[in-house]
Amino acid sequence: MKKKIFSQALVGGKVISVKEDQLILDEAGFKCKIKNNDSLFKGRFNPVRGSYCVAVIKIANCMGKMVIANGVKVMECHNFQEFQNYRKEAHETAEFFS
C-alpha cells in the first residue's frame, strides 16, 4: 500500500468565516481553516462571508473533515464549478500517470 504525505495543496470553497486571525473555507462539508489570514497576501481581493475563493496552503494538521493550514495566497474565484472541473481533471490525469 502506498502512503502519500502532502504538505501543500490548492483548495477552494465558500468563505464561511472571516476573522482577523483566520479564514474558513467550506466545500461540501470539508473545511479548511487558514490560520494566518491577517498576514496573507490577497491582492485586490478581500474575502467576505459567502464569496468563493481558492487558496494555496501549507498543511499544518488534518482532523476529520477539517484541514488546518497556513495560507500562501488567496485568490477570488468567479466560477467555482469550473475550478472544480479543472481540479477533477488534474486528479484523473495524475492517477493515469502514477
PDB file of N, CA and C in Angstrom:
ATOM      1  N   MET A   1       0.840  -1.182   0.000  1.00  0.00           N
ATOM      2  CA  MET A   1       0.000   0.000   0.000  1.00  0.00           C
ATOM      3  C   MET A   1       0.885   1.245   0.000  1.00  0.00           C
ATOM      4  N   LYS A   2       0.575   2.182  -0.902  1.00  0.00           N
ATOM      5  CA  LYS A   2       1.312   3.434  -0.960  1.00  0.00           C
ATOM      6  C   LYS A   2       0.783   4.403   0.080  1.00  0.00           C
ATOM      7  N   LYS A   3       1.674   5.153   0.677  1.00  0.00           N
ATOM      8  CA  LYS A   3       1.280   6.197   1.611  1.00  0.00           C
ATOM      9  C   LYS A   3       1.833   7.507   1.094  1.00  0.00           C
ATOM     10  N   LYS A   4       0.954   8.485   0.930  1.00  0.00           N
ATOM     11  CA  LYS A   4       1.382   9.788   0.445  1.00  0.00           C
ATOM     12  C   LYS A   4       1.242  10.800   1.566  1.00  0.00           C
ATOM     13  N   ILE A   5       2.235  11.642   1.689  1.00  0.00           N
ATOM     14  CA  ILE A   5       2.201  12.710   2.685  1.00  0.00           C
ATOM     15  C   ILE A   5       2.203  14.034   1.925  1.00  0.00           C
ATOM     16  N   PHE A   6       1.153  14.798   2.144  1.00  0.00           N
ATOM     17  CA  PHE A   6       1.023  16.084   1.461  1.00  0.00           C
ATOM     18  C   PHE A   6       1.338  17.202   2.433  1.00  0.00           C
ATOM     19  N   SER A   7       2.088  18.181   1.973  1.00  0.00           N
ATOM     20  CA  SER A   7       2.372  19.327   2.827  1.00  0.00           C
ATOM     21  C   SER A   7       1.816  20.616   2.229  1.00  0.00           C
ATOM     22  N   GLN A   8       1.501  20.580   0.922  1.00  0.00           N
ATOM     23  CA  GLN A   8       0.941  21.749   0.267  1.00  0.00           C
ATOM     24  C   GLN A   8      -0.272  21.322  -0.550  1.00  0.00           C
ATOM     25  N   ALA A   9      -1.194  22.253  -0.749  1.00  0.00           N
ATOM     26  CA  ALA A   9      -2.391  21.927  -1.515  1.00  0.00           C
ATOM     27  C   ALA A   9      -2.996  23.180  -2.124  1.00  0.00           C
ATOM     28  N   LEU A  10      -3.828  22.965  -3.135  1.00  0.00           N
ATOM     29  CA  LEU A  10      -4.650  24.015  -3.716  1.00  0.00           C
ATOM     30  C   LEU A  10      -6.081  23.662  -3.353  1.00  0.00           C
ATOM     31  N   VAL A  11      -6.715  24.480  -2.548  1.00  0.00           N
ATOM     32  CA  VAL A  11      -8.074  24.215  -2.083  1.00  0.00           C
ATOM     33  C   VAL A  11      -8.981  25.369  -2.494  1.00  0.00           C
ATOM     34  N   GLY A  12     -10.247  25.105  -2.449  1.00  0.00           N
ATOM     35  CA  GLY A  12     -11.214  26.145  -2.754  1.00  0.00           C
ATOM     36  C   GLY A  12     -12.491  25.908  -1.986  1.00  0.00           C
ATOM     37  N   GLY A  13     -13.320  26.920  -1.931  1.00  0.00           N
ATOM     38  CA  GLY A  13     -14.596  26.765  -1.271  1.00  0.00           C
ATOM     39  C   GLY A  13     -15.268  28.093  -1.004  1.00  0.00           C
ATOM     40  N   LYS A  14     -16.406  27.979  -0.347  1.00  0.00           N
ATOM     41  CA  LYS A  14     -17.172  29.155   0.040  1.00  0.00           C
ATOM     42  C   LYS A  14     -16.648  29.659   1.373  1.00  0.00           C
ATOM     43  N   VAL A  15     -16.447  30.944   1.477  1.00  0.00           N
ATOM     44  CA  VAL A  15     -15.970  31.542   2.723  1.00  0.00           C
ATOM     45  C   VAL A  15     -17.131  31.518   3.723  1.00  0.00           C
ATOM     46  N   ILE A  16     -16.935  30.822   4.861  1.00  0.00           N
ATOM     47  CA  ILE A  16     -17.986  30.775   5.870  1.00  0.00           C
ATOM     48  C   ILE A  16     -17.640  31.568   7.122  1.00  0.00           C
ATOM     49  N   SER A  17     -16.375  31.941   7.263  1.00  0.00           N
ATOM     50  CA  SER A  17     -15.970  32.745   8.415  1.00  0.00           C
ATOM     51  C   SER A  17     -14.732  33.556   8.070  1.00  0.00           C
ATOM     52  N   VAL A  18     -14.784  34.835   8.392  1.00  0.00           N
ATOM     53  CA  VAL A  18     -13.628  35.714   8.194  1.00  0.00           C
ATOM     54  C   VAL A  18     -13.384  36.440   9.502  1.00  0.00           C
ATOM     55  N   LYS A  19     -12.221  36.208  10.073  1.00  0.00           N
ATOM     56  CA  LYS A  19     -11.784  36.933  11.262  1.00  0.00           C
ATOM     57  C   LYS A  19     -10.376  37.426  10.993  1.00  0.00           C
ATOM     58  N   GLU A  20      -9.890  38.296  11.844  1.00  0.00           N
ATOM     59  CA  GLU A  20      -8.562  38.851  11.640  1.00  0.00           C
ATOM     60  C   GLU A  20      -7.495  37.762  11.567  1.00  0.00           C
ATOM     61  N   ASP A  21      -7.612  36.745  12.426  1.00  0.00           N
ATOM     62  CA  ASP A  21      -6.577  35.719  12.502  1.00  0.00           C
ATOM     63  C   ASP A  21      -6.948  34.411  11.810  1.00  0.00           C
ATOM     64  N   GLN A  22      -8.127  34.319  11.171  1.00  0.00           N
ATOM     65  CA  GLN A  22      -8.475  33.078  10.491  1.00  0.00           C
ATOM     66  C   GLN A  22      -9.477  33.305   9.360  1.00  0.00           C
ATOM     67  N   LEU A  23      -9.436  32.375   8.403  1.00  0.00           N
ATOM     68  CA  LEU A  23     -10.355  32.350   7.274  1.00  0.00           C
ATOM     69  C   LEU A  23     -10.774  30.894   7.126  1.00  0.00           C
ATOM     70  N   ILE A  24     -12.078  30.625   7.097  1.00  0.00           N
ATOM     71  CA  ILE A  24     -12.545  29.244   6.977  1.00  0.00           C
ATOM     72  C   ILE A  24     -13.299  29.087   5.666  1.00  0.00           C
ATOM     73  N   LEU A  25     -12.854  28.096   4.862  1.00  0.00           N
ATOM     74  CA  LEU A  25     -13.493  27.749   3.595  1.00  0.00           C
ATOM     75  C   LEU A  25     -14.239  26.435   3.758  1.00  0.00           C
ATOM     76  N   ASP A  26     -15.354  26.300   3.064  1.00  0.00           N
ATOM     77  CA  ASP A  26     -16.156  25.077   3.121  1.00  0.00           C
ATOM     78  C   ASP A  26     -16.470  24.617   1.711  1.00  0.00           C
ATOM     79  N   GLU A  27     -16.209  23.333   1.451  1.00  0.00           N
ATOM     80  CA  GLU A  27     -16.600  22.724   0.182  1.00  0.00           C
ATOM     81  C   GLU A  27     -17.247  21.382   0.483  1.00  0.00           C
ATOM     82  N   ALA A  28     -18.570  21.348   0.370  1.00  0.00           N
ATOM     83  CA  ALA A  28     -19.352  20.119   0.570  1.00  0.00           C
ATOM     84  C   ALA A  28     -19.080  19.489   1.938  1.00  0.00           C
ATOM     85  N   GLY A  29     -18.970  20.305   2.971  1.00  0.00           N
ATOM     86  CA  GLY A  29     -18.760  19.787   4.319  1.00  0.00           C
ATOM     87  C   GLY A  29     -17.316  19.644   4.738  1.00  0.00           C
ATOM     88  N   PHE A  30     -16.395  19.704   3.777  1.00  0.00           N
ATOM     89  CA  PHE A  30     -14.970  19.657   4.099  1.00  0.00           C
ATOM     90  C   PHE A  30     -14.498  21.089   4.304  1.00  0.00           C
ATOM     91  N   LYS A  31     -13.854  21.336   5.427  1.00  0.00           N
ATOM     92  CA  LYS A  31     -13.482  22.702   5.785  1.00  0.00           C
ATOM     93  C   LYS A  31     -11.970  22.869   5.838  1.00  0.00           C
ATOM     94  N   CYS A  32     -11.532  24.086   5.535  1.00  0.00           N
ATOM     95  CA  CYS A  32     -10.125  24.442   5.616  1.00  0.00           C
ATOM     96  C   CYS A  32     -10.016  25.717   6.430  1.00  0.00           C
ATOM     97  N   LYS A  33      -9.320  25.640   7.541  1.00  0.00           N
ATOM     98  CA  LYS A  33      -9.098  26.803   8.410  1.00  0.00           C
ATOM     99  C   LYS A  33      -7.706  27.340   8.124  1.00  0.00           C
ATOM    100  N   ILE A  34      -7.662  28.553   7.580  1.00  0.00           N
ATOM    101  CA  ILE A  34      -6.392  29.216   7.287  1.00  0.00           C
ATOM    102  C   ILE A  34      -6.084  30.132   8.463  1.00  0.00           C
ATOM    103  N   LYS A  35      -4.980  29.819   9.164  1.00  0.00           N
ATOM    104  CA  LYS A  35      -4.674  30.481  10.438  1.00  0.00           C
ATOM    105  C   LYS A  35      -4.063  31.862  10.310  1.00  0.00           C
ATOM    106  N   ASN A  36      -3.447  32.178   9.201  1.00  0.00           N
ATOM    107  CA  ASN A  36      -2.705  33.436   9.097  1.00  0.00           C
ATOM    108  C   ASN A  36      -3.395  34.441   8.179  1.00  0.00           C
ATOM    109  N   ASN A  37      -4.691  34.597   8.321  1.00  0.00           N
ATOM    110  CA  ASN A  37      -5.451  35.474   7.429  1.00  0.00           C
ATOM    111  C   ASN A  37      -4.966  36.915   7.459  1.00  0.00           C
ATOM    112  N   ASP A  38      -4.575  37.399   8.623  1.00  0.00           N
ATOM    113  CA  ASP A  38      -4.165  38.807   8.726  1.00  0.00           C
ATOM    114  C   ASP A  38      -2.860  39.113   7.988  1.00  0.00           C
ATOM    115  N   SER A  39      -1.979  38.124   7.812  1.00  0.00           N
ATOM    116  CA  SER A  39      -0.703  38.368   7.143  1.00  0.00           C
ATOM    117  C   SER A  39      -0.653  37.795   5.728  1.00  0.00           C
ATOM    118  N   LEU A  40      -1.782  37.373   5.218  1.00  0.00           N
ATOM    119  CA  LEU A  40      -1.859  36.697   3.927  1.00  0.00           C
ATOM    120  C   LEU A  40      -1.948  37.687   2.773  1.00  0.00           C
ATOM    121  N   PHE A  41      -1.227  37.393   1.686  1.00  0.00           N
ATOM    122  CA  PHE A  41      -1.291  38.243   0.500  1.00  0.00           C
ATOM    123  C   PHE A  41      -2.576  37.938  -0.262  1.00  0.00           C
ATOM    124  N   LYS A  42      -3.400  38.950  -0.466  1.00  0.00           N
ATOM    125  CA  LYS A  42      -4.670  38.760  -1.154  1.00  0.00           C
ATOM    126  C   LYS A  42      -4.813  39.635  -2.395  1.00  0.00           C
ATOM    127  N   GLY A  43      -3.876  40.516  -2.636  1.00  0.00           N
ATOM    128  CA  GLY A  43      -4.000  41.428  -3.773  1.00  0.00           C
ATOM    129  C   GLY A  43      -5.194  42.344  -3.576  1.00  0.00           C
ATOM    130  N   ARG A  44      -5.999  42.480  -4.617  1.00  0.00           N
ATOM    131  CA  ARG A  44      -7.183  43.343  -4.530  1.00  0.00           C
ATOM    132  C   ARG A  44      -8.387  42.624  -3.942  1.00  0.00           C
ATOM    133  N   PHE A  45      -8.293  41.305  -3.743  1.00  0.00           N
ATOM    134  CA  PHE A  45      -9.410  40.514  -3.234  1.00  0.00           C
ATOM    135  C   PHE A  45      -9.442  40.537  -1.717  1.00  0.00           C
ATOM    136  N   ASN A  46     -10.566  40.941  -1.172  1.00  0.00           N
ATOM    137  CA  ASN A  46     -10.767  40.925   0.273  1.00  0.00           C
ATOM    138  C   ASN A  46     -11.902  39.948   0.574  1.00  0.00           C
ATOM    139  N   PRO A  47     -11.594  38.736   1.079  1.00  0.00           N
ATOM    140  CA  PRO A  47     -12.628  37.730   1.278  1.00  0.00           C
ATOM    141  C   PRO A  47     -13.733  38.207   2.227  1.00  0.00           C
ATOM    142  N   VAL A  48     -14.966  37.950   1.835  1.00  0.00           N
ATOM    143  CA  VAL A  48     -16.125  38.227   2.677  1.00  0.00           C
ATOM    144  C   VAL A  48     -16.961  36.962   2.752  1.00  0.00           C
ATOM    145  N   ARG A  49     -17.718  36.853   3.819  1.00  0.00           N
ATOM    146  CA  ARG A  49     -18.564  35.670   4.013  1.00  0.00           C
ATOM    147  C   ARG A  49     -19.508  35.511   2.821  1.00  0.00           C
ATOM    148  N   GLY A  50     -19.538  34.293   2.266  1.00  0.00           N
ATOM    149  CA  GLY A  50     -20.397  33.992   1.125  1.00  0.00           C
ATOM    150  C   GLY A  50     -19.695  34.030  -0.216  1.00  0.00           C
ATOM    151  N   SER A  51     -18.494  34.593  -0.274  1.00  0.00           N
ATOM    152  CA  SER A  51     -17.763  34.620  -1.549  1.00  0.00           C
ATOM    153  C   SER A  51     -17.023  33.289  -1.736  1.00  0.00           C
ATOM    154  N   TYR A  52     -16.613  33.026  -2.964  1.00  0.00           N
ATOM    155  CA  TYR A  52     -15.858  31.811  -3.284  1.00  0.00           C
ATOM    156  C   TYR A  52     -14.417  32.191  -3.589  1.00  0.00           C
ATOM    157  N   CYS A  53     -13.499  31.357  -3.117  1.00  0.00           N
ATOM    158  CA  CYS A  53     -12.094  31.618  -3.397  1.00  0.00           C
ATOM    159  C   CYS A  53     -11.321  30.313  -3.453  1.00  0.00           C
ATOM    160  N   VAL A  54     -10.123  30.399  -3.991  1.00  0.00           N
ATOM    161  CA  VAL A  54      -9.170  29.291  -3.981  1.00  0.00           C
ATOM    162  C   VAL A  54      -7.942  29.763  -3.223  1.00  0.00           C
ATOM    163  N   ALA A  55      -7.245  28.817  -2.604  1.00  0.00           N
ATOM    164  CA  ALA A  55      -6.092  29.180  -1.793  1.00  0.00           C
ATOM    165  C   ALA A  55      -4.978  28.158  -1.953  1.00  0.00           C
ATOM    166  N   VAL A  56      -3.770  28.648  -1.995  1.00  0.00           N
ATOM    167  CA  VAL A  56      -2.578  27.803  -1.912  1.00  0.00           C
ATOM    168  C   VAL A  56      -2.232  27.753  -0.435  1.00  0.00           C
ATOM    169  N   ILE A  57      -2.138  26.527   0.115  1.00  0.00           N
ATOM    170  CA  ILE A  57      -1.924  26.376   1.562  1.00  0.00           C
ATOM    171  C   ILE A  57      -0.762  25.445   1.860  1.00  0.00           C
ATOM    172  N   LYS A  58      -0.218  25.610   3.068  1.00  0.00           N
ATOM    173  CA  LYS A  58       0.742  24.662   3.640  1.00  0.00           C
ATOM    174  C   LYS A  58       0.034  24.002   4.813  1.00  0.00           C
ATOM    175  N   ILE A  59      -0.183  22.712   4.708  1.00  0.00           N
ATOM    176  CA  ILE A  59      -0.978  21.972   5.685  1.00  0.00           C
ATOM    177  C   ILE A  59      -0.220  21.819   6.995  1.00  0.00           C
ATOM    178  N   ALA A  60      -0.889  22.182   8.097  1.00  0.00           N
ATOM    179  CA  ALA A  60      -0.308  22.019   9.427  1.00  0.00           C
ATOM    180  C   ALA A  60      -0.874  20.773  10.103  1.00  0.00           C
ATOM    181  N   ASN A  61      -2.186  20.510   9.900  1.00  0.00           N
ATOM    182  CA  ASN A  61      -2.834  19.400  10.589  1.00  0.00           C
ATOM    183  C   ASN A  61      -4.132  19.044   9.876  1.00  0.00           C
ATOM    184  N   CYS A  62      -4.517  17.772   9.955  1.00  0.00           N
ATOM    185  CA  CYS A  62      -5.802  17.303   9.428  1.00  0.00           C
ATOM    186  C   CYS A  62      -6.535  16.570  10.541  1.00  0.00           C
ATOM    187  N   MET A  63      -7.798  16.949  10.738  1.00  0.00           N
ATOM    188  CA  MET A  63      -8.619  16.279  11.751  1.00  0.00           C
ATOM    189  C   MET A  63     -10.004  16.052  11.164  1.00  0.00           C
ATOM    190  N   GLY A  64     -10.323  14.802  10.835  1.00  0.00           N
ATOM    191  CA  GLY A  64     -11.625  14.502  10.257  1.00  0.00           C
ATOM    192  C   GLY A  64     -11.834  15.246   8.957  1.00  0.00           C
ATOM    193  N   LYS A  65     -12.859  16.096   8.920  1.00  0.00           N
ATOM    194  CA  LYS A  65     -13.171  16.869   7.720  1.00  0.00           C
ATOM    195  C   LYS A  65     -12.612  18.286   7.778  1.00  0.00           C
ATOM    196  N   MET A  66     -11.657  18.528   8.668  1.00  0.00           N
ATOM    197  CA  MET A  66     -11.073  19.867   8.831  1.00  0.00           C
ATOM    198  C   MET A  66      -9.578  19.814   8.575  1.00  0.00           C
ATOM    199  N   VAL A  67      -9.119  20.706   7.702  1.00  0.00           N
ATOM    200  CA  VAL A  67      -7.694  20.892   7.465  1.00  0.00           C
ATOM    201  C   VAL A  67      -7.312  22.227   8.087  1.00  0.00           C
ATOM    202  N   ILE A  68      -6.268  22.223   8.892  1.00  0.00           N
ATOM    203  CA  ILE A  68      -5.752  23.460   9.477  1.00  0.00           C
ATOM    204  C   ILE A  68      -4.454  23.768   8.747  1.00  0.00           C
ATOM    205  N   ALA A  69      -4.346  25.003   8.245  1.00  0.00           N
ATOM    206  CA  ALA A  69      -3.213  25.327   7.377  1.00  0.00           C
ATOM    207  C   ALA A  69      -2.798  26.777   7.516  1.00  0.00           C
ATOM    208  N   ASN A  70      -1.615  27.054   7.001  1.00  0.00           N
ATOM    209  CA  ASN A  70      -1.150  28.417   6.813  1.00  0.00           C
ATOM    210  C   ASN A  70      -1.293  28.716   5.331  1.00  0.00           C
ATOM    211  N   GLY A  71      -1.898  29.830   5.027  1.00  0.00           N
ATOM    212  CA  GLY A  71      -2.104  30.196   3.632  1.00  0.00           C
ATOM    213  C   GLY A  71      -0.868  30.834   3.027  1.00  0.00           C
ATOM    214  N   VAL A  72      -0.681  30.608   1.738  1.00  0.00           N
ATOM    215  CA  VAL A  72       0.371  31.257   0.979  1.00  0.00           C
ATOM    216  C   VAL A  72      -0.250  32.391   0.172  1.00  0.00           C
ATOM    217  N   LYS A  73      -1.379  32.093  -0.478  1.00  0.00           N
ATOM    218  CA  LYS A  73      -2.081  33.102  -1.271  1.00  0.00           C
ATOM    219  C   LYS A  73      -3.547  32.707  -1.384  1.00  0.00           C
ATOM    220  N   VAL A  74      -4.426  33.699  -1.345  1.00  0.00           N
ATOM    221  CA  VAL A  74      -5.863  33.503  -1.545  1.00  0.00           C
ATOM    222  C   VAL A  74      -6.283  34.319  -2.754  1.00  0.00           C
ATOM    223  N   MET A  75      -7.058  33.681  -3.633  1.00  0.00           N
ATOM    224  CA  MET A  75      -7.497  34.344  -4.862  1.00  0.00           C
ATOM    225  C   MET A  75      -9.006  34.192  -5.020  1.00  0.00           C
ATOM    226  N   GLU A  76      -9.630  35.216  -5.548  1.00  0.00           N
ATOM    227  CA  GLU A  76     -11.067  35.169  -5.801  1.00  0.00           C
ATOM    228  C   GLU A  76     -11.363  34.179  -6.921  1.00  0.00           C
ATOM    229  N   CYS A  77     -12.503  33.491  -6.818  1.00  0.00           N
ATOM    230  CA  CYS A  77     -12.912  32.518  -7.828  1.00  0.00           C
ATOM    231  C   CYS A  77     -14.303  32.908  -8.319  1.00  0.00           C
ATOM    232  N   HIS A  78     -14.381  33.396  -9.544  1.00  0.00           N
ATOM    233  CA  HIS A  78     -15.663  33.838 -10.097  1.00  0.00           C
ATOM    234  C   HIS A  78     -16.547  32.677 -10.531  1.00  0.00           C
ATOM    235  N   ASN A  79     -15.946  31.554 -10.942  1.00  0.00           N
ATOM    236  CA  ASN A  79     -16.708  30.401 -11.394  1.00  0.00           C
ATOM    237  C   ASN A  79     -16.186  29.163 -10.672  1.00  0.00           C
ATOM    238  N   PHE A  80     -16.764  28.880  -9.501  1.00  0.00           N
ATOM    239  CA  PHE A  80     -16.254  27.795  -8.668  1.00  0.00           C
ATOM    240  C   PHE A  80     -16.468  26.431  -9.310  1.00  0.00           C
ATOM    241  N   GLN A  81     -17.561  26.249 -10.063  1.00  0.00           N
ATOM    242  CA  GLN A  81     -17.814  24.972 -10.733  1.00  0.00           C
ATOM    243  C   GLN A  81     -16.709  24.668 -11.742  1.00  0.00           C
ATOM    244  N   GLU A  82     -16.253  25.687 -12.452  1.00  0.00           N
ATOM    245  CA  GLU A  82     -15.170  25.498 -13.416  1.00  0.00           C
ATOM    246  C   GLU A  82     -13.883  25.096 -12.699  1.00  0.00           C
ATOM    247  N   PHE A  83     -13.599  25.715 -11.542  1.00  0.00           N
ATOM    248  CA  PHE A  83     -12.429  25.326 -10.747  1.00  0.00           C
ATOM    249  C   PHE A  83     -12.524  23.856 -10.351  1.00  0.00           C
ATOM    250  N   GLN A  84     -13.712  23.408  -9.903  1.00  0.00           N
ATOM    251  CA  GLN A  84     -13.895  22.009  -9.507  1.00  0.00           C
ATOM    252  C   GLN A  84     -13.669  21.072 -10.690  1.00  0.00           C
ATOM    253  N   ASN A  85     -14.129  21.462 -11.868  1.00  0.00           N
ATOM    254  CA  ASN A  85     -13.935  20.631 -13.065  1.00  0.00           C
ATOM    255  C   ASN A  85     -12.459  20.507 -13.421  1.00  0.00           C
ATOM    256  N   TYR A  86     -11.723  21.620 -13.391  1.00  0.00           N
ATOM    257  CA  TYR A  86     -10.286  21.581 -13.690  1.00  0.00           C
ATOM    258  C   TYR A  86      -9.530  20.731 -12.665  1.00  0.00           C
ATOM    259  N   ARG A  87      -9.904  20.861 -11.386  1.00  0.00           N
ATOM    260  CA  ARG A  87      -9.236  20.091 -10.340  1.00  0.00           C
ATOM    261  C   ARG A  87      -9.494  18.600 -10.519  1.00  0.00           C
ATOM    262  N   LYS A  88     -10.734  18.237 -10.844  1.00  0.00           N
ATOM    263  CA  LYS A  88     -11.076  16.825 -11.065  1.00  0.00           C
ATOM    264  C   LYS A  88     -10.270  16.264 -12.228  1.00  0.00           C
ATOM    265  N   GLU A  89     -10.172  17.027 -13.311  1.00  0.00           N
ATOM    266  CA  GLU A  89      -9.393  16.601 -14.471  1.00  0.00           C
ATOM    267  C   GLU A  89      -7.915  16.429 -14.117  1.00  0.00           C
ATOM    268  N   ALA A  90      -7.382  17.328 -13.299  1.00  0.00           N
ATOM    269  CA  ALA A  90      -5.979  17.223 -12.870  1.00  0.00           C
ATOM    270  C   ALA A  90      -5.756  15.970 -12.033  1.00  0.00           C
ATOM    271  N   HIS A  91      -6.694  15.642 -11.147  1.00  0.00           N
ATOM    272  CA  HIS A  91      -6.573  14.426 -10.327  1.00  0.00           C
ATOM    273  C   HIS A  91      -6.608  13.178 -11.210  1.00  0.00           C
ATOM    274  N   GLU A  92      -7.511  13.155 -12.176  1.00  0.00           N
ATOM    275  CA  GLU A  92      -7.613  11.997 -13.074  1.00  0.00           C
ATOM    276  C   GLU A  92      -6.339  11.837 -13.894  1.00  0.00           C
ATOM    277  N   THR A  93      -5.746  12.947 -14.353  1.00  0.00           N
ATOM    278  CA  THR A  93      -4.504  12.890 -15.112  1.00  0.00           C
ATOM    279  C   THR A  93      -3.378  12.360 -14.242  1.00  0.00           C
ATOM    280  N   ALA A  94      -3.298  12.834 -12.998  1.00  0.00           N
ATOM    281  CA  ALA A  94      -2.248  12.368 -12.083  1.00  0.00           C
ATOM    282  C   ALA A  94      -2.390  10.876 -11.811  1.00  0.00           C
ATOM    283  N   GLU A  95      -3.621  10.380 -11.649  1.00  0.00           N
ATOM    284  CA  GLU A  95      -3.847   8.955 -11.403  1.00  0.00           C
ATOM    285  C   GLU A  95      -3.449   8.125 -12.612  1.00  0.00           C
ATOM    286  N   PHE A  96      -3.680   8.654 -13.812  1.00  0.00           N
ATOM    287  CA  PHE A  96      -3.339   7.960 -15.045  1.00  0.00           C
ATOM    288  C   PHE A  96      -1.839   7.734 -15.151  1.00  0.00           C
ATOM    289  N   PHE A  97      -1.043   8.724 -14.737  1.00  0.00           N
ATOM    290  CA  PHE A  97       0.404   8.634 -14.872  1.00  0.00           C
ATOM    291  C   PHE A  97       1.091   7.995 -13.667  1.00  0.00           C
ATOM    292  N   SER A  98       0.355   7.690 -12.597  1.00  0.00           N
ATOM    293  CA  SER A  98       1.019   7.091 -11.423  1.00  0.00           C
ATOM    294  C   SER A  98       1.006   5.584 -11.461  1.00  0.00           C
TER     295      SER A  98
END
